[in-house]
């Protein structure tokens, strides 16, 4: 009996293909806006908890007589913590390609603190010159840490390849930096909240204190504009969209009952109940949820992240709300008596 009702439910979908597609697109639009705005809100709230410290360095001497002292002090500190990126003209000339150098714990499950980043088209050429290198997969990279140094892996990961470098290149002196490059490195250095609490930024400042580099420290205030916009406008828009969708779905179910009045009447005469009609209509709802779940996951590249779990939660809420609409309609219409001819 249940199988028969499920088959009839799929037949209803076939008969109402256009309406099914319309509701599918409506649910999809709600899910896309809600999922990705919630994801953006989550990131914005995380960033709002972080204190961003940045430095503006000014060399006061063209010769920079204490260059080695400063470089050594910065090198020792970066082995303790902190994140930075820079470019070495010496390394680029030696390797024959453009390389960005990252120092910090950018890998999730490795203590390695030095990474090379090259364009994907240069990888084969680099392999010919470097026999021992390890390509780091995107899953192993900490996206949030990269954002602190101005690299968005969600945009740049198709163009950049990250490599673990040879062990001999673990100190700043190995990269043979010039004063301008060391200045860029200092300006690009960032610290996590935990490192700031542990006073690592103060140690960093002492490393270049009384040197030929004068720097200014900036503590950047957090911009809450994105958070306010999402809370004030996006969620309100989603609420209105969801309300309009539920009302439209209720009208659709009511019209469906009217159009299938004769068919329902035959089923009731043959012993069917409201439960049978509920199961039949539920096929429509569950099919919408499955359709929506698969499309959102496809757009999210089937990643198991916050959007995946938001997608599960949203579809459960959709199913519960739509099932409530169907159940409420069944109770209000009292189909069991109306379909028997008003007895």
C-alpha atoms as a PDB file:
ATOM      1  CA  UNK A   1       0.000   0.000   0.000  1.00  0.00           C
ATOM      2  CA  UNK A   2       2.808   2.400   0.928  1.00  0.00           C
ATOM      3  CA  UNK A   3       4.664   1.532  -2.287  1.00  0.00           C
ATOM      4  CA  UNK A   4       1.530   2.292  -4.295  1.00  0.00           C
ATOM      5  CA  UNK A   5       1.176   5.681  -2.607  1.00  0.00           C
ATOM      6  CA  UNK A   6       4.843   6.495  -3.353  1.00  0.00           C
ATOM      7  CA  UNK A   7       4.321   5.565  -7.016  1.00  0.00           C
ATOM      8  CA  UNK A   8       1.249   7.803  -7.138  1.00  0.00           C
ATOM      9  CA  UNK A   9       3.343  10.583  -5.556  1.00  0.00           C
ATOM     10  CA  UNK A  10       5.910  10.352  -8.356  1.00  0.00           C
ATOM     11  CA  UNK A  11       3.077  10.360 -10.872  1.00  0.00           C
ATOM     12  CA  UNK A  12       1.830  13.612  -9.321  1.00  0.00           C
ATOM     13  CA  UNK A  13       5.319  15.073  -9.808  1.00  0.00           C
ATOM     14  CA  UNK A  14       5.267  14.012 -13.455  1.00  0.00           C
ATOM     15  CA  UNK A  15       1.867  15.605 -13.932  1.00  0.00           C
ATOM     16  CA  UNK A  16       3.045  18.816 -12.253  1.00  0.00           C
ATOM     17  CA  UNK A  17       6.587  18.996 -13.636  1.00  0.00           C
ATOM     18  CA  UNK A  18       6.532  22.748 -14.171  1.00  0.00           C
ATOM     19  CA  UNK A  19       5.312  23.435 -10.648  1.00  0.00           C
ATOM     20  CA  UNK A  20       7.891  21.007  -9.233  1.00  0.00           C
ATOM     21  CA  UNK A  21      10.692  22.811 -11.090  1.00  0.00           C
ATOM     22  CA  UNK A  22       9.336  26.198  -9.966  1.00  0.00           C
ATOM     23  CA  UNK A  23       9.239  25.164  -6.301  1.00  0.00           C
ATOM     24  CA  UNK A  24      12.635  23.520  -6.692  1.00  0.00           C
ATOM     25  CA  UNK A  25      14.127  26.776  -7.942  1.00  0.00           C
ATOM     26  CA  UNK A  26      12.441  28.742  -5.148  1.00  0.00           C
ATOM     27  CA  UNK A  27      13.836  26.430  -2.469  1.00  0.00           C
ATOM     28  CA  UNK A  28      17.216  26.515  -4.180  1.00  0.00           C
ATOM     29  CA  UNK A  29      17.276  30.321  -4.237  1.00  0.00           C
ATOM     30  CA  UNK A  30      16.375  30.446  -0.539  1.00  0.00           C
ATOM     31  CA  UNK A  31      19.009  27.824   0.312  1.00  0.00           C
ATOM     32  CA  UNK A  32      21.759  29.506  -1.693  1.00  0.00           C
ATOM     33  CA  UNK A  33      21.153  32.917  -0.122  1.00  0.00           C
ATOM     34  CA  UNK A  34      20.745  31.511   3.396  1.00  0.00           C
ATOM     35  CA  UNK A  35      23.651  29.031   3.252  1.00  0.00           C
ATOM     36  CA  UNK A  36      26.262  31.300   1.761  1.00  0.00           C
ATOM     37  CA  UNK A  37      25.205  34.391   3.711  1.00  0.00           C
ATOM     38  CA  UNK A  38      25.386  32.351   6.938  1.00  0.00           C
ATOM     39  CA  UNK A  39      28.818  31.114   5.887  1.00  0.00           C
ATOM     40  CA  UNK A  40      29.899  34.713   5.243  1.00  0.00           C
ATOM     41  CA  UNK A  41      28.403  35.783   8.578  1.00  0.00           C
ATOM     42  CA  UNK A  42      30.310  33.033  10.370  1.00  0.00           C
ATOM     43  CA  UNK A  43      33.584  34.167   8.796  1.00  0.00           C
ATOM     44  CA  UNK A  44      32.841  37.813   9.572  1.00  0.00           C
ATOM     45  CA  UNK A  45      32.090  37.000  13.222  1.00  0.00           C
ATOM     46  CA  UNK A  46      35.313  34.995  13.485  1.00  0.00           C
ATOM     47  CA  UNK A  47      37.274  37.873  12.018  1.00  0.00           C
ATOM     48  CA  UNK A  48      35.536  40.295  14.365  1.00  0.00           C
ATOM     49  CA  UNK A  49      37.051  38.418  17.305  1.00  0.00           C
ATOM     50  CA  UNK A  50      40.566  38.761  15.888  1.00  0.00           C
ATOM     51  CA  UNK A  51      42.844  41.698  16.546  1.00  0.00           C
ATOM     52  CA  UNK A  52      44.854  42.538  13.449  1.00  0.00           C
ATOM     53  CA  UNK A  53      48.254  44.065  14.065  1.00  0.00           C
ATOM     54  CA  UNK A  54      50.256  45.392  11.124  1.00  0.00           C
ATOM     55  CA  UNK A  55      53.549  47.211  10.731  1.00  0.00           C
ATOM     56  CA  UNK A  56      54.736  50.000   8.476  1.00  0.00           C
ATOM     57  CA  UNK A  57      58.511  49.917   8.154  1.00  0.00           C
ATOM     58  CA  UNK A  58      60.730  52.822   7.054  1.00  0.00           C
ATOM     59  CA  UNK A  59      64.472  52.271   6.425  1.00  0.00           C
ATOM     60  CA  UNK A  60      66.329  55.347   7.696  1.00  0.00           C
ATOM     61  CA  UNK A  61      69.641  54.332   6.168  1.00  0.00           C
ATOM     62  CA  UNK A  62      70.351  53.286   2.604  1.00  0.00           C
ATOM     63  CA  UNK A  63      73.221  51.081   3.732  1.00  0.00           C
ATOM     64  CA  UNK A  64      71.380  49.465   6.626  1.00  0.00           C
ATOM     65  CA  UNK A  65      74.528  48.575   8.547  1.00  0.00           C
ATOM     66  CA  UNK A  66      72.748  46.351  11.063  1.00  0.00           C
ATOM     67  CA  UNK A  67      70.954  44.341   8.367  1.00  0.00           C
ATOM     68  CA  UNK A  68      72.359  40.986   9.544  1.00  0.00           C
ATOM     69  CA  UNK A  69      71.384  41.702  13.155  1.00  0.00           C
ATOM     70  CA  UNK A  70      67.836  42.614  12.206  1.00  0.00           C
ATOM     71  CA  UNK A  71      67.478  39.672   9.826  1.00  0.00           C
ATOM     72  CA  UNK A  72      68.745  37.256  12.477  1.00  0.00           C
ATOM     73  CA  UNK A  73      66.384  38.667  15.116  1.00  0.00           C
ATOM     74  CA  UNK A  74      63.364  38.442  12.812  1.00  0.00           C
ATOM     75  CA  UNK A  75      64.403  34.938  11.747  1.00  0.00           C
ATOM     76  CA  UNK A  76      64.562  33.682  15.342  1.00  0.00           C
ATOM     77  CA  UNK A  77      61.143  35.132  16.098  1.00  0.00           C
ATOM     78  CA  UNK A  78      59.493  33.662  12.983  1.00  0.00           C
ATOM     79  CA  UNK A  79      60.673  30.224  14.080  1.00  0.00           C
ATOM     80  CA  UNK A  80      58.584  30.716  17.230  1.00  0.00           C
ATOM     81  CA  UNK A  81      55.446  31.904  15.425  1.00  0.00           C
ATOM     82  CA  UNK A  82      53.918  34.517  13.193  1.00  0.00           C
ATOM     83  CA  UNK A  83      52.999  34.486   9.506  1.00  0.00           C
ATOM     84  CA  UNK A  84      54.464  36.341   6.567  1.00  0.00           C
ATOM     85  CA  UNK A  85      55.109  36.192   2.850  1.00  0.00           C
ATOM     86  CA  UNK A  86      57.788  37.786   0.712  1.00  0.00           C
ATOM     87  CA  UNK A  87      59.712  37.541  -2.546  1.00  0.00           C
ATOM     88  CA  UNK A  88      63.451  36.963  -2.913  1.00  0.00           C
ATOM     89  CA  UNK A  89      65.093  38.199  -6.099  1.00  0.00           C
ATOM     90  CA  UNK A  90      67.994  35.822  -5.422  1.00  0.00           C
ATOM     91  CA  UNK A  91      65.714  32.769  -5.211  1.00  0.00           C
ATOM     92  CA  UNK A  92      63.784  33.777  -8.338  1.00  0.00           C
ATOM     93  CA  UNK A  93      66.971  34.130 -10.348  1.00  0.00           C
ATOM     94  CA  UNK A  94      68.399  30.888  -9.015  1.00  0.00           C
ATOM     95  CA  UNK A  95      65.232  28.866  -9.742  1.00  0.00           C
ATOM     96  CA  UNK A  96      64.377  30.670 -12.971  1.00  0.00           C
ATOM     97  CA  UNK A  97      60.711  31.223 -12.042  1.00  0.00           C
ATOM     98  CA  UNK A  98      58.662  33.604  -9.903  1.00  0.00           C
ATOM     99  CA  UNK A  99      58.278  32.267  -6.359  1.00  0.00           C
ATOM    100  CA  UNK A 100      56.383  33.598  -3.353  1.00  0.00           C
ATOM    101  CA  UNK A 101      57.832  32.457  -0.033  1.00  0.00           C
ATOM    102  CA  UNK A 102      55.562  31.843   2.966  1.00  0.00           C
ATOM    103  CA  UNK A 103      56.853  31.488   6.523  1.00  0.00           C
ATOM    104  CA  UNK A 104      54.507  30.235   9.236  1.00  0.00           C
ATOM    105  CA  UNK A 105      52.473  27.188  10.165  1.00  0.00           C
ATOM    106  CA  UNK A 106      50.238  27.301   7.096  1.00  0.00           C
ATOM    107  CA  UNK A 107      49.785  23.498   6.996  1.00  0.00           C
ATOM    108  CA  UNK A 108      47.193  21.845   9.216  1.00  0.00           C
ATOM    109  CA  UNK A 109      49.091  18.628  10.032  1.00  0.00           C
ATOM    110  CA  UNK A 110      52.747  19.536   9.563  1.00  0.00           C
ATOM    111  CA  UNK A 111      55.305  21.430  11.605  1.00  0.00           C
ATOM    112  CA  UNK A 112      56.944  22.700   8.418  1.00  0.00           C
ATOM    113  CA  UNK A 113      57.124  26.510   8.482  1.00  0.00           C
ATOM    114  CA  UNK A 114      58.442  27.319   4.991  1.00  0.00           C
ATOM    115  CA  UNK A 115      56.436  27.002   1.772  1.00  0.00           C
ATOM    116  CA  UNK A 116      57.108  27.992  -1.816  1.00  0.00           C
ATOM    117  CA  UNK A 117      54.157  29.107  -3.961  1.00  0.00           C
ATOM    118  CA  UNK A 118      54.536  28.992  -7.749  1.00  0.00           C
ATOM    119  CA  UNK A 119      52.202  29.242 -10.715  1.00  0.00           C
ATOM    120  CA  UNK A 120      50.826  25.862 -11.745  1.00  0.00           C
ATOM    121  CA  UNK A 121      52.279  26.166 -15.264  1.00  0.00           C
ATOM    122  CA  UNK A 122      55.803  26.443 -13.782  1.00  0.00           C
ATOM    123  CA  UNK A 123      55.555  23.214 -11.775  1.00  0.00           C
ATOM    124  CA  UNK A 124      57.092  20.890 -14.377  1.00  0.00           C
ATOM    125  CA  UNK A 125      59.993  23.275 -14.981  1.00  0.00           C
ATOM    126  CA  UNK A 126      60.593  23.536 -11.231  1.00  0.00           C
ATOM    127  CA  UNK A 127      60.563  19.737 -10.870  1.00  0.00           C
ATOM    128  CA  UNK A 128      63.395  19.500 -13.362  1.00  0.00           C
ATOM    129  CA  UNK A 129      65.546  21.751 -11.180  1.00  0.00           C
ATOM    130  CA  UNK A 130      64.432  20.437  -7.800  1.00  0.00           C
ATOM    131  CA  UNK A 131      64.441  16.653  -7.573  1.00  0.00           C
ATOM    132  CA  UNK A 132      63.165  16.471  -4.006  1.00  0.00           C
ATOM    133  CA  UNK A 133      60.052  18.510  -3.494  1.00  0.00           C
ATOM    134  CA  UNK A 134      56.624  17.816  -2.076  1.00  0.00           C
ATOM    135  CA  UNK A 135      53.425  19.305  -3.429  1.00  0.00           C
ATOM    136  CA  UNK A 136      51.083  20.267  -0.597  1.00  0.00           C
ATOM    137  CA  UNK A 137      47.430  19.459  -1.256  1.00  0.00           C
ATOM    138  CA  UNK A 138      44.787  22.170  -0.893  1.00  0.00           C
ATOM    139  CA  UNK A 139      43.105  20.217   1.916  1.00  0.00           C
ATOM    140  CA  UNK A 140      46.290  20.485   3.988  1.00  0.00           C
ATOM    141  CA  UNK A 141      46.396  24.278   3.787  1.00  0.00           C
ATOM    142  CA  UNK A 142      44.843  26.516   6.432  1.00  0.00           C
ATOM    143  CA  UNK A 143      42.708  28.997   4.474  1.00  0.00           C
ATOM    144  CA  UNK A 144      42.226  31.353   7.419  1.00  0.00           C
ATOM    145  CA  UNK A 145      45.987  31.629   8.048  1.00  0.00           C
ATOM    146  CA  UNK A 146      46.566  32.435   4.382  1.00  0.00           C
ATOM    147  CA  UNK A 147      43.921  35.161   4.514  1.00  0.00           C
ATOM    148  CA  UNK A 148      45.890  36.866   7.301  1.00  0.00           C
ATOM    149  CA  UNK A 149      48.717  37.467   4.811  1.00  0.00           C
ATOM    150  CA  UNK A 150      46.393  38.542   1.997  1.00  0.00           C
ATOM    151  CA  UNK A 151      46.003  35.287   0.056  1.00  0.00           C
ATOM    152  CA  UNK A 152      42.503  33.920  -0.608  1.00  0.00           C
ATOM    153  CA  UNK A 153      42.891  30.264  -1.541  1.00  0.00           C
ATOM    154  CA  UNK A 154      39.265  30.040  -2.703  1.00  0.00           C
ATOM    155  CA  UNK A 155      40.201  32.414  -5.524  1.00  0.00           C
ATOM    156  CA  UNK A 156      43.894  31.705  -6.059  1.00  0.00           C
ATOM    157  CA  UNK A 157      44.179  27.948  -5.436  1.00  0.00           C
ATOM    158  CA  UNK A 158      43.603  27.108  -9.118  1.00  0.00           C
ATOM    159  CA  UNK A 159      46.650  29.167 -10.104  1.00  0.00           C
ATOM    160  CA  UNK A 160      49.038  28.535  -7.212  1.00  0.00           C
ATOM    161  CA  UNK A 161      50.861  25.348  -6.260  1.00  0.00           C
ATOM    162  CA  UNK A 162      52.366  25.134  -2.767  1.00  0.00           C
ATOM    163  CA  UNK A 163      55.555  23.174  -2.176  1.00  0.00           C
ATOM    164  CA  UNK A 164      57.560  22.125   0.849  1.00  0.00           C
ATOM    165  CA  UNK A 165      61.096  23.386   0.304  1.00  0.00           C
ATOM    166  CA  UNK A 166      64.412  21.656   0.936  1.00  0.00           C
ATOM    167  CA  UNK A 167      65.567  21.602   4.556  1.00  0.00           C
ATOM    168  CA  UNK A 168      68.603  23.715   3.742  1.00  0.00           C
ATOM    169  CA  UNK A 169      66.321  26.709   3.092  1.00  0.00           C
ATOM    170  CA  UNK A 170      64.954  27.226   6.571  1.00  0.00           C
ATOM    171  CA  UNK A 171      66.557  30.523   7.630  1.00  0.00           C
ATOM    172  CA  UNK A 172      66.059  34.007   6.230  1.00  0.00           C
ATOM    173  CA  UNK A 173      69.771  34.236   5.423  1.00  0.00           C
ATOM    174  CA  UNK A 174      69.319  31.325   2.960  1.00  0.00           C
ATOM    175  CA  UNK A 175      67.131  33.580   0.803  1.00  0.00           C
ATOM    176  CA  UNK A 176      69.773  36.360   0.565  1.00  0.00           C
ATOM    177  CA  UNK A 177      67.272  39.184   1.033  1.00  0.00           C
ATOM    178  CA  UNK A 178      68.079  42.799   0.295  1.00  0.00           C
ATOM    179  CA  UNK A 179      66.941  45.653   2.599  1.00  0.00           C
ATOM    180  CA  UNK A 180      63.804  46.362   0.562  1.00  0.00           C
ATOM    181  CA  UNK A 181      62.773  42.700   0.676  1.00  0.00           C
ATOM    182  CA  UNK A 182      63.353  42.520   4.435  1.00  0.00           C
ATOM    183  CA  UNK A 183      61.241  45.658   4.817  1.00  0.00           C
ATOM    184  CA  UNK A 184      58.405  43.999   2.835  1.00  0.00           C
ATOM    185  CA  UNK A 185      58.708  40.899   5.016  1.00  0.00           C
ATOM    186  CA  UNK A 186      58.390  42.974   8.203  1.00  0.00           C
ATOM    187  CA  UNK A 187      55.360  44.832   6.869  1.00  0.00           C
ATOM    188  CA  UNK A 188      53.722  41.557   5.868  1.00  0.00           C
ATOM    189  CA  UNK A 189      54.181  39.829   9.232  1.00  0.00           C
ATOM    190  CA  UNK A 190      50.958  38.910  11.071  1.00  0.00           C
ATOM    191  CA  UNK A 191      50.202  37.183  14.371  1.00  0.00           C
ATOM    192  CA  UNK A 192      47.267  35.151  15.672  1.00  0.00           C
ATOM    193  CA  UNK A 193      45.276  36.283  18.714  1.00  0.00           C
ATOM    194  CA  UNK A 194      46.974  33.599  20.798  1.00  0.00           C
ATOM    195  CA  UNK A 195      50.411  34.804  19.721  1.00  0.00           C
ATOM    196  CA  UNK A 196      49.452  38.396  20.510  1.00  0.00           C
ATOM    197  CA  UNK A 197      48.327  37.366  23.998  1.00  0.00           C
ATOM    198  CA  UNK A 198      51.662  35.606  24.480  1.00  0.00           C
ATOM    199  CA  UNK A 199      53.471  38.823  23.566  1.00  0.00           C
ATOM    200  CA  UNK A 200      55.044  37.571  20.358  1.00  0.00           C
ATOM    201  CA  UNK A 201      54.431  40.907  18.658  1.00  0.00           C
ATOM    202  CA  UNK A 202      56.394  42.652  21.418  1.00  0.00           C
ATOM    203  CA  UNK A 203      59.305  40.259  20.868  1.00  0.00           C
ATOM    204  CA  UNK A 204      59.079  41.019  17.171  1.00  0.00           C
ATOM    205  CA  UNK A 205      59.287  44.738  17.871  1.00  0.00           C
ATOM    206  CA  UNK A 206      62.344  44.257  20.079  1.00  0.00           C
ATOM    207  CA  UNK A 207      64.055  42.362  17.254  1.00  0.00           C
ATOM    208  CA  UNK A 208      64.126  45.494  15.116  1.00  0.00           C
ATOM    209  CA  UNK A 209      64.290  48.099  17.878  1.00  0.00           C
ATOM    210  CA  UNK A 210      67.154  50.623  17.658  1.00  0.00           C
ATOM    211  CA  UNK A 211      67.993  49.469  14.145  1.00  0.00           C
ATOM    212  CA  UNK A 212      68.130  51.177  10.789  1.00  0.00           C
ATOM    213  CA  UNK A 213      64.434  50.361  10.388  1.00  0.00           C
ATOM    214  CA  UNK A 214      61.847  52.574  12.037  1.00  0.00           C
ATOM    215  CA  UNK A 215      58.370  51.074  12.095  1.00  0.00           C
ATOM    216  CA  UNK A 216      54.898  52.113  13.119  1.00  0.00           C
ATOM    217  CA  UNK A 217      52.511  49.642  14.672  1.00  0.00           C
ATOM    218  CA  UNK A 218      48.851  49.694  13.652  1.00  0.00           C
ATOM    219  CA  UNK A 219      46.043  47.892  15.461  1.00  0.00           C
ATOM    220  CA  UNK A 220      43.285  47.689  12.885  1.00  0.00           C
ATOM    221  CA  UNK A 221      39.683  48.119  14.021  1.00  0.00           C
ATOM    222  CA  UNK A 222      37.138  45.566  12.873  1.00  0.00           C
ATOM    223  CA  UNK A 223      34.656  46.508  10.138  1.00  0.00           C
ATOM    224  CA  UNK A 224      31.220  45.177  11.094  1.00  0.00           C
ATOM    225  CA  UNK A 225      29.467  46.474   7.961  1.00  0.00           C
ATOM    226  CA  UNK A 226      29.112  43.011   6.413  1.00  0.00           C
ATOM    227  CA  UNK A 227      27.679  41.545   9.621  1.00  0.00           C
ATOM    228  CA  UNK A 228      25.137  44.369   9.962  1.00  0.00           C
ATOM    229  CA  UNK A 229      24.093  44.035   6.315  1.00  0.00           C
ATOM    230  CA  UNK A 230      23.508  40.278   6.613  1.00  0.00           C
ATOM    231  CA  UNK A 231      21.557  40.599   9.853  1.00  0.00           C
ATOM    232  CA  UNK A 232      19.459  43.599   8.778  1.00  0.00           C
ATOM    233  CA  UNK A 233      18.695  42.822   5.150  1.00  0.00           C
ATOM    234  CA  UNK A 234      19.673  39.332   3.958  1.00  0.00           C
ATOM    235  CA  UNK A 235      17.901  37.359   6.683  1.00  0.00           C
ATOM    236  CA  UNK A 236      14.824  39.592   6.478  1.00  0.00           C
ATOM    237  CA  UNK A 237      14.748  39.024   2.710  1.00  0.00           C
ATOM    238  CA  UNK A 238      15.026  35.245   3.242  1.00  0.00           C
ATOM    239  CA  UNK A 239      12.189  35.357   5.799  1.00  0.00           C
ATOM    240  CA  UNK A 240       9.882  37.122   3.318  1.00  0.00           C
ATOM    241  CA  UNK A 241      10.907  34.729   0.552  1.00  0.00           C
ATOM    242  CA  UNK A 242      10.238  31.714   2.763  1.00  0.00           C
ATOM    243  CA  UNK A 243       6.851  33.096   3.832  1.00  0.00           C
ATOM    244  CA  UNK A 244       5.851  33.655   0.200  1.00  0.00           C
ATOM    245  CA  UNK A 245       7.028  30.153  -0.653  1.00  0.00           C
ATOM    246  CA  UNK A 246       4.970  28.517   2.127  1.00  0.00           C
ATOM    247  CA  UNK A 247       1.845  30.442   1.093  1.00  0.00           C
ATOM    248  CA  UNK A 248       2.397  29.437  -2.548  1.00  0.00           C
ATOM    249  CA  UNK A 249       2.896  25.822  -1.566  1.00  0.00           C
ATOM    250  CA  UNK A 250      -0.311  25.874   0.501  1.00  0.00           C
ATOM    251  CA  UNK A 251      -2.259  27.216  -2.495  1.00  0.00           C
ATOM    252  CA  UNK A 252      -0.689  24.544  -4.706  1.00  0.00           C
ATOM    253  CA  UNK A 253      -1.680  21.702  -2.347  1.00  0.00           C
ATOM    254  CA  UNK A 254      -5.222  23.065  -2.066  1.00  0.00           C
ATOM    255  CA  UNK A 255      -5.557  23.240  -5.853  1.00  0.00           C
ATOM    256  CA  UNK A 256      -4.007  19.777  -6.146  1.00  0.00           C
ATOM    257  CA  UNK A 257      -6.707  18.391  -3.874  1.00  0.00           C
ATOM    258  CA  UNK A 258      -9.409  20.047  -5.981  1.00  0.00           C
ATOM    259  CA  UNK A 259      -7.970  18.704  -9.255  1.00  0.00           C
ATOM    260  CA  UNK A 260      -7.532  15.180  -7.861  1.00  0.00           C
ATOM    261  CA  UNK A 261     -10.868  15.155  -6.055  1.00  0.00           C
ATOM    262  CA  UNK A 262     -12.254  12.298  -8.136  1.00  0.00           C
ATOM    263  CA  UNK A 263      -9.065  10.239  -7.780  1.00  0.00           C
ATOM    264  CA  UNK A 264      -8.920  10.757  -4.023  1.00  0.00           C
ATOM    265  CA  UNK A 265     -12.605   9.820  -3.804  1.00  0.00           C
ATOM    266  CA  UNK A 266     -11.939   6.476  -5.488  1.00  0.00           C
ATOM    267  CA  UNK A 267      -9.011   5.790  -3.158  1.00  0.00           C
ATOM    268  CA  UNK A 268     -11.076   6.571  -0.057  1.00  0.00           C
ATOM    269  CA  UNK A 269     -13.888   4.305  -1.258  1.00  0.00           C
ATOM    270  CA  UNK A 270     -11.284   1.554  -1.760  1.00  0.00           C
ATOM    271  CA  UNK A 271     -10.124   1.920   1.838  1.00  0.00           C
ATOM    272  CA  UNK A 272      -7.476   4.633   1.632  1.00  0.00           C
ATOM    273  CA  UNK A 273      -7.041   7.076   4.519  1.00  0.00           C
ATOM    274  CA  UNK A 274      -5.685  10.565   5.075  1.00  0.00           C
ATOM    275  CA  UNK A 275      -2.404   8.878   5.927  1.00  0.00           C
ATOM    276  CA  UNK A 276      -2.247   7.447   2.394  1.00  0.00           C
ATOM    277  CA  UNK A 277      -2.835  10.891   0.877  1.00  0.00           C
ATOM    278  CA  UNK A 278      -0.254  12.379   3.244  1.00  0.00           C
ATOM    279  CA  UNK A 279       2.365   9.831   2.124  1.00  0.00           C
ATOM    280  CA  UNK A 280       1.492  10.489  -1.516  1.00  0.00           C
ATOM    281  CA  UNK A 281       1.928  14.256  -1.098  1.00  0.00           C
ATOM    282  CA  UNK A 282       5.095  13.771   0.959  1.00  0.00           C
ATOM    283  CA  UNK A 283       6.826  12.291  -2.084  1.00  0.00           C
ATOM    284  CA  UNK A 284       6.626  15.738  -3.677  1.00  0.00           C
ATOM    285  CA  UNK A 285       8.183  17.363  -0.605  1.00  0.00           C
ATOM    286  CA  UNK A 286      10.968  14.815  -0.134  1.00  0.00           C
ATOM    287  CA  UNK A 287      11.846  14.941  -3.829  1.00  0.00           C
ATOM    288  CA  UNK A 288      12.180  18.732  -3.568  1.00  0.00           C
ATOM    289  CA  UNK A 289      14.482  18.322  -0.559  1.00  0.00           C
ATOM    290  CA  UNK A 290      16.685  15.744  -2.320  1.00  0.00           C
ATOM    291  CA  UNK A 291      16.856  17.929  -5.444  1.00  0.00           C
ATOM    292  CA  UNK A 292      17.849  20.958  -3.371  1.00  0.00           C
ATOM    293  CA  UNK A 293      20.395  19.016  -1.282  1.00  0.00           C
ATOM    294  CA  UNK A 294      22.193  17.658  -4.356  1.00  0.00           C
ATOM    295  CA  UNK A 295      22.319  21.005  -6.185  1.00  0.00           C
ATOM    296  CA  UNK A 296      23.726  22.882  -3.163  1.00  0.00           C
ATOM    297  CA  UNK A 297      26.348  20.182  -2.623  1.00  0.00           C
ATOM    298  CA  UNK A 298      27.278  20.339  -6.292  1.00  0.00           C
ATOM    299  CA  UNK A 299      27.718  24.117  -6.062  1.00  0.00           C
ATOM    300  CA  UNK A 300      29.836  23.579  -2.935  1.00  0.00           C
ATOM    301  CA  UNK A 301      31.982  20.949  -4.727  1.00  0.00           C
ATOM    302  CA  UNK A 302      30.734  18.265  -2.286  1.00  0.00           C
ATOM    303  CA  UNK A 303      32.962  19.614   0.499  1.00  0.00           C
ATOM    304  CA  UNK A 304      32.225  18.524   4.063  1.00  0.00           C
ATOM    305  CA  UNK A 305      32.270  21.994   5.586  1.00  0.00           C
ATOM    306  CA  UNK A 306      29.853  24.329   7.350  1.00  0.00           C
ATOM    307  CA  UNK A 307      27.783  24.755   4.155  1.00  0.00           C
ATOM    308  CA  UNK A 308      27.277  20.970   3.932  1.00  0.00           C
ATOM    309  CA  UNK A 309      25.831  20.821   7.455  1.00  0.00           C
ATOM    310  CA  UNK A 310      23.811  24.002   6.898  1.00  0.00           C
ATOM    311  CA  UNK A 311      22.391  22.325   3.805  1.00  0.00           C
ATOM    312  CA  UNK A 312      21.300  19.299   5.838  1.00  0.00           C
ATOM    313  CA  UNK A 313      19.690  21.504   8.482  1.00  0.00           C
ATOM    314  CA  UNK A 314      17.905  23.702   5.943  1.00  0.00           C
ATOM    315  CA  UNK A 315      16.426  20.746   4.095  1.00  0.00           C
ATOM    316  CA  UNK A 316      15.180  19.199   7.324  1.00  0.00           C
ATOM    317  CA  UNK A 317      13.490  22.519   8.164  1.00  0.00           C
ATOM    318  CA  UNK A 318      11.998  22.718   4.652  1.00  0.00           C
ATOM    319  CA  UNK A 319      10.608  19.180   4.915  1.00  0.00           C
ATOM    320  CA  UNK A 320       9.095  19.840   8.352  1.00  0.00           C
ATOM    321  CA  UNK A 321       7.497  23.125   7.257  1.00  0.00           C
ATOM    322  CA  UNK A 322       6.038  21.709   4.043  1.00  0.00           C
ATOM    323  CA  UNK A 323       4.819  18.561   5.766  1.00  0.00           C
ATOM    324  CA  UNK A 324       3.116  20.795   8.314  1.00  0.00           C
ATOM    325  CA  UNK A 325       1.389  22.675   5.474  1.00  0.00           C
ATOM    326  CA  UNK A 326       0.182  19.374   3.978  1.00  0.00           C
ATOM    327  CA  UNK A 327      -0.983  18.032   7.349  1.00  0.00           C
ATOM    328  CA  UNK A 328      -2.766  21.268   8.198  1.00  0.00           C
ATOM    329  CA  UNK A 329      -4.514  21.224   4.827  1.00  0.00           C
ATOM    330  CA  UNK A 330      -5.641  17.631   5.309  1.00  0.00           C
ATOM    331  CA  UNK A 331      -7.088  18.418   8.749  1.00  0.00           C
ATOM    332  CA  UNK A 332      -8.835  21.589   7.615  1.00  0.00           C
ATOM    333  CA  UNK A 333     -10.315  20.085   4.451  1.00  0.00           C
ATOM    334  CA  UNK A 334     -11.572  16.988   6.284  1.00  0.00           C
ATOM    335  CA  UNK A 335     -11.139  14.968   3.096  1.00  0.00           C
ATOM    336  CA  UNK A 336     -12.284  11.729   4.655  1.00  0.00           C
ATOM    337  CA  UNK A 337     -15.883  13.005   4.785  1.00  0.00           C
ATOM    338  CA  UNK A 338     -15.892  15.508   1.931  1.00  0.00           C
ATOM    339  CA  UNK A 339     -14.684  12.962  -0.560  1.00  0.00           C
ATOM    340  CA  UNK A 340     -17.428  10.552   0.521  1.00  0.00           C
ATOM    341  CA  UNK A 341     -19.967  13.038  -0.625  1.00  0.00           C
ATOM    342  CA  UNK A 342     -20.404  15.169   2.505  1.00  0.00           C
ATOM    343  CA  UNK A 343     -21.667  12.418   4.836  1.00  0.00           C
END
